[in-house]
Amino acid sequence: MKNLIFPGLFFLLLFCSCEQQEEGQFTMEQSLQFTIQAGLNPLLTHVYEWNPQSPLHSFLAQNQLTKDQIKKITVREVYLEPVLSGPISYRFLESVKALISDPSKPLLEFSLGEVMPLANESVGNLQMLPGLADMKPYLILDRNTVKIELRLRELITTSFAQRLVIKYSIFTQ
């Protein structure tokens, strides 16, 4: 009897802690392009970095909102997709991390999303698990730093133009 209580309690806590992801009143999208070059060394981590203008400023103007009306901003969806080519398989990737930081504090990075694709990954967009942190402190800046870190599973012989797509949920007061 005692042996059944602990597994039962574990599964009860597991199911009680699972929640559906909250969705904000608005959705905002940001996309950044890069090229995975042929011949990259699979033993190294390859980093692509951008300092884009924050998409929040134009979003606020379009929706007639102010920064003070924004309660929080979370990552709703993050994925890689091919640019100007047919669908590809991402099985050549060992891991992918998308990070955001304040350019004045580059060592303090927060996850936008990450994934470890399977070796038998199917063809299509590469969906990442979204990060959990509030992105408002980074998106209210004029510019932020977005970085993607790639670890390759194998040597690739073809270059791939890619787009990192980040969709945010905007919560207002």
Foldseek 3Di string as FASTA:
>chain_A
DVVVVVVVVVVVVVVVPDDDDDFAPDKDKDKDKDKDAAFDDLVDKDKDKDWDFFPVVVVCVVVVHDLQQWPFKFWDWKKKAFDPDDWDFPLQWQKKWKWKFAVVCVVDIFTQFMDGDHNCGDTDIGTTDGTDDTCSVQRVDRIIMMMMITRTPDGGGHMTMMMIMIMMGTHGD
